[in-house]
PDB file of N, CA and C in Angstrom:
ATOM      1  N   MET A   1     267.675  -2.123  -2.965  1.00  0.00           N
ATOM      2  CA  MET A   1     266.841  -2.211  -2.411  1.00  0.00           C
ATOM      3  C   MET A   1     267.745  -1.225  -0.888  1.00  0.00           C
ATOM      4  N   GLU A   2     266.870  -0.581  -0.262  1.00  0.00           N
ATOM      5  CA  GLU A   2     267.486  -0.166   0.387  1.00  0.00           C
ATOM      6  C   GLU A   2     267.002  -0.266   1.896  1.00  0.00           C
ATOM      7  N   ASP A   3     267.740  -0.483   3.585  1.00  0.00           N
ATOM      8  CA  ASP A   3     266.878  -0.644   4.755  1.00  0.00           C
ATOM      9  C   ASP A   3     266.667   0.086   5.521  1.00  0.00           C
ATOM     10  N   GLN A   4     265.775   0.897   6.591  1.00  0.00           N
ATOM     11  CA  GLN A   4     265.158   1.804   7.357  1.00  0.00           C
ATOM     12  C   GLN A   4     265.921   2.906   6.553  1.00  0.00           C
ATOM     13  N   TRP A   5     267.250   3.085   6.976  1.00  0.00           N
ATOM     14  CA  TRP A   5     267.910   4.394   7.007  1.00  0.00           C
ATOM     15  C   TRP A   5     268.365   5.194   5.452  1.00  0.00           C
ATOM     16  N   GLY A   6     266.984   4.117   4.140  1.00  0.00           N
ATOM     17  CA  GLY A   6     267.779   4.458   3.071  1.00  0.00           C
ATOM     18  C   GLY A   6     269.260   4.371   2.289  1.00  0.00           C
ATOM     19  N   ARG A   7     270.049   3.098   3.689  1.00  0.00           N
ATOM     20  CA  ARG A   7     271.514   2.441   2.499  1.00  0.00           C
ATOM     21  C   ARG A   7     270.709   1.257   1.432  1.00  0.00           C
ATOM     22  N   THR A   8     271.684   1.656   0.690  1.00  0.00           N
ATOM     23  CA  THR A   8     272.028   0.138   0.240  1.00  0.00           C
ATOM     24  C   THR A   8     272.568  -0.939   0.224  1.00  0.00           C
ATOM     25  N   ILE A   9     270.727  -1.974   0.104  1.00  0.00           N
ATOM     26  CA  ILE A   9     271.063  -2.954   0.164  1.00  0.00           C
ATOM     27  C   ILE A   9     271.923  -3.486  -1.335  1.00  0.00           C
ATOM     28  N   ASP A  10     272.887  -4.066  -1.788  1.00  0.00           N
ATOM     29  CA  ASP A  10     273.240  -5.375  -2.635  1.00  0.00           C
ATOM     30  C   ASP A  10     273.736  -6.149  -2.323  1.00  0.00           C
ATOM     31  N   TYR A  11     273.359  -7.178  -1.111  1.00  0.00           N
ATOM     32  CA  TYR A  11     274.550  -8.667  -0.809  1.00  0.00           C
ATOM     33  C   TYR A  11     272.961  -8.647  -0.233  1.00  0.00           C
ATOM     34  N   LEU A  12     273.584 -10.343  -0.201  1.00  0.00           N
ATOM     35  CA  LEU A  12     272.678 -11.311   0.228  1.00  0.00           C
ATOM     36  C   LEU A  12     273.505 -12.708   0.967  1.00  0.00           C
ATOM     37  N   ARG A  13     273.269 -12.425   2.110  1.00  0.00           N
ATOM     38  CA  ARG A  13     273.819 -14.591   2.452  1.00  0.00           C
ATOM     39  C   ARG A  13     272.938 -14.833   2.890  1.00  0.00           C
ATOM     40  N   LEU A  14     273.336 -15.978   2.368  1.00  0.00           N
ATOM     41  CA  LEU A  14     271.907 -17.303   2.140  1.00  0.00           C
ATOM     42  C   LEU A  14     271.915 -18.526   3.209  1.00  0.00           C
ATOM     43  N   SER A  15     271.674 -18.888   4.170  1.00  0.00           N
ATOM     44  CA  SER A  15     272.703 -19.741   4.707  1.00  0.00           C
ATOM     45  C   SER A  15     271.627 -20.986   3.838  1.00  0.00           C
ATOM     46  N   VAL A  16     271.991 -21.967   3.864  1.00  0.00           N
ATOM     47  CA  VAL A  16     271.373 -22.931   3.173  1.00  0.00           C
ATOM     48  C   VAL A  16     271.742 -24.132   4.502  1.00  0.00           C
ATOM     49  N   THR A  17     270.618 -24.748   5.095  1.00  0.00           N
ATOM     50  CA  THR A  17     270.642 -26.257   6.493  1.00  0.00           C
ATOM     51  C   THR A  17     269.341 -26.328   5.602  1.00  0.00           C
ATOM     52  N   ASP A  18     269.282 -28.058   5.933  1.00  0.00           N
ATOM     53  CA  ASP A  18     267.945 -29.023   6.117  1.00  0.00           C
ATOM     54  C   ASP A  18     267.734 -28.847   7.259  1.00  0.00           C
ATOM     55  N   SER A  19     268.168 -28.069   8.317  1.00  0.00           N
ATOM     56  CA  SER A  19     268.306 -28.291  10.066  1.00  0.00           C
ATOM     57  C   SER A  19     268.543 -27.802  10.001  1.00  0.00           C
ATOM     58  N   CYS A  20     267.568 -26.861  11.385  1.00  0.00           N
ATOM     59  CA  CYS A  20     268.551 -25.658  12.603  1.00  0.00           C
ATOM     60  C   CYS A  20     267.869 -24.838  13.249  1.00  0.00           C
ATOM     61  N   ASN A  21     268.166 -25.058  15.039  1.00  0.00           N
ATOM     62  CA  ASN A  21     268.407 -25.010  15.677  1.00  0.00           C
ATOM     63  C   ASN A  21     268.430 -23.716  16.848  1.00  0.00           C
ATOM     64  N   LEU A  22     269.167 -22.210  15.281  1.00  0.00           N
ATOM     65  CA  LEU A  22     269.746 -21.537  16.415  1.00  0.00           C
ATOM     66  C   LEU A  22     268.757 -20.551  16.684  1.00  0.00           C
ATOM     67  N   GLY A  23     267.615 -20.647  16.547  1.00  0.00           N
ATOM     68  CA  GLY A  23     266.606 -19.870  17.054  1.00  0.00           C
ATOM     69  C   GLY A  23     266.344 -18.051  16.396  1.00  0.00           C
ATOM     70  N   CYS A  24     266.730 -17.764  15.289  1.00  0.00           N
ATOM     71  CA  CYS A  24     267.622 -16.683  15.314  1.00  0.00           C
ATOM     72  C   CYS A  24     266.171 -15.971  14.886  1.00  0.00           C
ATOM     73  N   ILE A  25     266.098 -14.848  14.544  1.00  0.00           N
ATOM     74  CA  ILE A  25     264.967 -13.634  15.262  1.00  0.00           C
ATOM     75  C   ILE A  25     264.133 -13.768  13.930  1.00  0.00           C
ATOM     76  N   TYR A  26     265.393 -13.885  12.984  1.00  0.00           N
ATOM     77  CA  TYR A  26     264.330 -14.377  11.137  1.00  0.00           C
ATOM     78  C   TYR A  26     263.514 -15.346  10.438  1.00  0.00           C
ATOM     79  N   CYS A  27     263.705 -16.194  11.746  1.00  0.00           N
ATOM     80  CA  CYS A  27     262.758 -17.111  11.082  1.00  0.00           C
ATOM     81  C   CYS A  27     261.758 -17.585  12.895  1.00  0.00           C
ATOM     82  N   ARG A  28     261.681 -16.645  13.740  1.00  0.00           N
ATOM     83  CA  ARG A  28     260.835 -16.600  14.934  1.00  0.00           C
ATOM     84  C   ARG A  28     259.582 -16.317  14.670  1.00  0.00           C
ATOM     85  N   LEU A  29     259.876 -14.725  13.543  1.00  0.00           N
ATOM     86  CA  LEU A  29     258.685 -13.390  13.936  1.00  0.00           C
ATOM     87  C   LEU A  29     257.549 -14.146  13.408  1.00  0.00           C
ATOM     88  N   PRO A  30     256.742 -13.203  14.580  1.00  0.00           N
ATOM     89  CA  PRO A  30     255.077 -13.790  14.606  1.00  0.00           C
ATOM     90  C   PRO A  30     254.924 -14.500  13.186  1.00  0.00           C
ATOM     91  N   GLY A  31     254.333 -15.838  12.887  1.00  0.00           N
ATOM     92  CA  GLY A  31     253.276 -16.121  12.182  1.00  0.00           C
ATOM     93  C   GLY A  31     254.583 -16.853  10.754  1.00  0.00           C
ATOM     94  N   CYS A  32     255.389 -16.905  11.321  1.00  0.00           N
ATOM     95  CA  CYS A  32     255.923 -18.046  10.934  1.00  0.00           C
ATOM     96  C   CYS A  32     257.026 -19.057  11.336  1.00  0.00           C
ATOM     97  N   SER A  33     256.658 -20.414  11.194  1.00  0.00           N
ATOM     98  CA  SER A  33     257.595 -21.621  12.163  1.00  0.00           C
ATOM     99  C   SER A  33     258.766 -22.077  10.966  1.00  0.00           C
ATOM    100  N   PRO A  34     259.534 -21.942  12.464  1.00  0.00           N
ATOM    101  CA  PRO A  34     260.911 -22.149  11.643  1.00  0.00           C
ATOM    102  C   PRO A  34     261.231 -24.072  11.709  1.00  0.00           C
ATOM    103  N   LEU A  35     260.187 -24.641  11.616  1.00  0.00           N
ATOM    104  CA  LEU A  35     260.540 -26.028  11.754  1.00  0.00           C
ATOM    105  C   LEU A  35     259.853 -26.356   9.348  1.00  0.00           C
ATOM    106  N   LEU A  36     260.689 -26.784   8.948  1.00  0.00           N
ATOM    107  CA  LEU A  36     259.907 -26.952   8.096  1.00  0.00           C
ATOM    108  C   LEU A  36     259.754 -27.733   7.392  1.00  0.00           C
ATOM    109  N   GLN A  37     258.974 -27.785   5.959  1.00  0.00           N
ATOM    110  CA  GLN A  37     258.467 -28.949   5.349  1.00  0.00           C
ATOM    111  C   GLN A  37     258.293 -30.021   4.873  1.00  0.00           C
ATOM    112  N   SER A  38     259.218 -29.449   3.536  1.00  0.00           N
ATOM    113  CA  SER A  38     260.088 -30.113   2.220  1.00  0.00           C
ATOM    114  C   SER A  38     261.227 -29.062   2.669  1.00  0.00           C
ATOM    115  N   ILE A  39     262.729 -29.706   1.966  1.00  0.00           N
ATOM    116  CA  ILE A  39     263.956 -28.532   1.758  1.00  0.00           C
ATOM    117  C   ILE A  39     263.771 -27.995   0.286  1.00  0.00           C
ATOM    118  N   LEU A  40     263.575 -27.180   0.038  1.00  0.00           N
ATOM    119  CA  LEU A  40     262.965 -26.453  -1.546  1.00  0.00           C
ATOM    120  C   LEU A  40     264.490 -27.122  -1.970  1.00  0.00           C
ATOM    121  N   THR A  41     264.310 -26.900  -3.472  1.00  0.00           N
ATOM    122  CA  THR A  41     264.930 -27.516  -4.730  1.00  0.00           C
ATOM    123  C   THR A  41     265.688 -26.439  -4.659  1.00  0.00           C
ATOM    124  N   ASP A  42     266.674 -27.077  -6.106  1.00  0.00           N
ATOM    125  CA  ASP A  42     267.771 -25.879  -6.457  1.00  0.00           C
ATOM    126  C   ASP A  42     267.204 -25.395  -7.757  1.00  0.00           C
ATOM    127  N   GLU A  43     265.640 -25.970  -8.866  1.00  0.00           N
ATOM    128  CA  GLU A  43     265.091 -24.469  -8.958  1.00  0.00           C
ATOM    129  C   GLU A  43     264.311 -23.878  -8.527  1.00  0.00           C
ATOM    130  N   GLU A  44     264.195 -23.757  -6.994  1.00  0.00           N
ATOM    131  CA  GLU A  44     263.405 -23.482  -6.287  1.00  0.00           C
ATOM    132  C   GLU A  44     263.725 -22.482  -5.666  1.00  0.00           C
ATOM    133  N   ILE A  45     265.588 -22.341  -4.550  1.00  0.00           N
ATOM    134  CA  ILE A  45     266.604 -21.284  -4.118  1.00  0.00           C
ATOM    135  C   ILE A  45     266.722 -20.841  -5.976  1.00  0.00           C
ATOM    136  N   PHE A  46     267.177 -20.984  -6.868  1.00  0.00           N
ATOM    137  CA  PHE A  46     267.409 -20.318  -7.850  1.00  0.00           C
ATOM    138  C   PHE A  46     265.361 -19.546  -8.494  1.00  0.00           C
ATOM    139  N   GLN A  47     264.515 -20.106  -8.031  1.00  0.00           N
ATOM    140  CA  GLN A  47     263.595 -18.568  -8.226  1.00  0.00           C
ATOM    141  C   GLN A  47     263.828 -17.529  -6.885  1.00  0.00           C
ATOM    142  N   VAL A  48     264.005 -18.211  -6.308  1.00  0.00           N
ATOM    143  CA  VAL A  48     264.176 -16.771  -4.811  1.00  0.00           C
ATOM    144  C   VAL A  48     265.454 -16.482  -5.067  1.00  0.00           C
ATOM    145  N   LEU A  49     266.933 -16.837  -5.312  1.00  0.00           N
ATOM    146  CA  LEU A  49     267.456 -15.748  -5.865  1.00  0.00           C
ATOM    147  C   LEU A  49     267.035 -14.918  -7.638  1.00  0.00           C
ATOM    148  N   SER A  50     267.194 -15.167  -8.475  1.00  0.00           N
ATOM    149  CA  SER A  50     266.323 -13.703  -9.569  1.00  0.00           C
ATOM    150  C   SER A  50     265.655 -13.532  -8.843  1.00  0.00           C
ATOM    151  N   CYS A  51     264.892 -13.359  -7.199  1.00  0.00           N
ATOM    152  CA  CYS A  51     263.849 -12.425  -7.522  1.00  0.00           C
ATOM    153  C   CYS A  51     264.700 -11.591  -6.071  1.00  0.00           C
ATOM    154  N   PHE A  52     265.347 -11.289  -5.734  1.00  0.00           N
ATOM    155  CA  PHE A  52     266.122 -10.692  -5.000  1.00  0.00           C
ATOM    156  C   PHE A  52     266.987 -10.273  -6.367  1.00  0.00           C
ATOM    157  N   GLN A  53     267.581 -10.200  -7.205  1.00  0.00           N
ATOM    158  CA  GLN A  53     268.018  -9.718  -8.450  1.00  0.00           C
ATOM    159  C   GLN A  53     267.251  -8.399  -8.911  1.00  0.00           C
ATOM    160  N   GLU A  54     266.404  -9.228  -8.842  1.00  0.00           N
ATOM    161  CA  GLU A  54     265.364  -8.583  -9.517  1.00  0.00           C
ATOM    162  C   GLU A  54     265.217  -7.186  -8.615  1.00  0.00           C
ATOM    163  N   LEU A  55     265.525  -7.131  -7.073  1.00  0.00           N
ATOM    164  CA  LEU A  55     265.309  -6.334  -6.661  1.00  0.00           C
ATOM    165  C   LEU A  55     266.953  -5.435  -5.510  1.00  0.00           C
ATOM    166  N   GLY A  56     267.856  -5.458  -6.553  1.00  0.00           N
ATOM    167  CA  GLY A  56     269.315  -5.179  -7.081  1.00  0.00           C
ATOM    168  C   GLY A  56     270.652  -5.428  -6.333  1.00  0.00           C
ATOM    169  N   ILE A  57     270.315  -7.043  -5.351  1.00  0.00           N
ATOM    170  CA  ILE A  57     270.885  -7.530  -5.076  1.00  0.00           C
ATOM    171  C   ILE A  57     272.096  -8.095  -5.595  1.00  0.00           C
ATOM    172  N   ARG A  58     273.980  -7.180  -5.507  1.00  0.00           N
ATOM    173  CA  ARG A  58     274.248  -7.894  -6.646  1.00  0.00           C
ATOM    174  C   ARG A  58     275.546  -9.202  -6.338  1.00  0.00           C
ATOM    175  N   LYS A  59     275.885  -9.576  -4.567  1.00  0.00           N
ATOM    176  CA  LYS A  59     276.384 -10.172  -4.208  1.00  0.00           C
ATOM    177  C   LYS A  59     276.033 -10.921  -3.867  1.00  0.00           C
ATOM    178  N   LEU A  60     276.604 -12.115  -3.010  1.00  0.00           N
ATOM    179  CA  LEU A  60     275.875 -12.304  -3.305  1.00  0.00           C
ATOM    180  C   LEU A  60     277.057 -14.414  -1.976  1.00  0.00           C
ATOM    181  N   LYS A  61     276.099 -15.041  -0.944  1.00  0.00           N
ATOM    182  CA  LYS A  61     277.791 -15.409  -0.275  1.00  0.00           C
ATOM    183  C   LYS A  61     276.753 -16.259   0.324  1.00  0.00           C
ATOM    184  N   ILE A  62     276.418 -18.414   0.540  1.00  0.00           N
ATOM    185  CA  ILE A  62     276.480 -18.419   0.316  1.00  0.00           C
ATOM    186  C   ILE A  62     277.173 -20.083   1.544  1.00  0.00           C
ATOM    187  N   LYS A  63     275.591 -19.519   2.813  1.00  0.00           N
ATOM    188  CA  LYS A  63     276.636 -20.740   4.154  1.00  0.00           C
ATOM    189  C   LYS A  63     275.788 -21.444   4.313  1.00  0.00           C
ATOM    190  N   SER A  64     276.343 -23.025   4.938  1.00  0.00           N
ATOM    191  CA  SER A  64     275.412 -23.796   5.157  1.00  0.00           C
ATOM    192  C   SER A  64     275.960 -23.659   7.119  1.00  0.00           C
ATOM    193  N   ILE A  65     275.769 -24.002   7.397  1.00  0.00           N
ATOM    194  CA  ILE A  65     275.637 -24.446   8.963  1.00  0.00           C
ATOM    195  C   ILE A  65     275.326 -25.948   9.236  1.00  0.00           C
ATOM    196  N   ASP A  66     277.002 -25.848  10.092  1.00  0.00           N
ATOM    197  CA  ASP A  66     277.695 -27.767  10.246  1.00  0.00           C
ATOM    198  C   ASP A  66     277.598 -26.953  11.810  1.00  0.00           C
ATOM    199  N   ARG A  67     276.839 -27.038  12.519  1.00  0.00           N
ATOM    200  CA  ARG A  67     277.465 -26.834  13.759  1.00  0.00           C
ATOM    201  C   ARG A  67     277.044 -28.886  15.148  1.00  0.00           C
ATOM    202  N   LYS A  68     278.688 -29.092  15.395  1.00  0.00           N
ATOM    203  CA  LYS A  68     278.658 -29.651  15.872  1.00  0.00           C
ATOM    204  C   LYS A  68     278.558 -30.140  17.595  1.00  0.00           C
ATOM    205  N   SER A  69     277.289 -30.403  18.211  1.00  0.00           N
ATOM    206  CA  SER A  69     277.040 -30.638  18.961  1.00  0.00           C
ATOM    207  C   SER A  69     278.078 -31.443  20.323  1.00  0.00           C
TER     208      SER A  69
END
């Protein structure tokens, strides 16, 4: 996978959380709903990761968001 400047992207940072109020631009794109209707199952997460692997992702960092107010 390459970015718009032709650099190879072989890593992925995946944030896993059941609710998020950070308001990042990634989930605020037009047509994207920031509110989740359901939580992904383990099988669905593995399926998504498998797709990224096919795109050339070789490194993965899984993060969870645990912000205390």
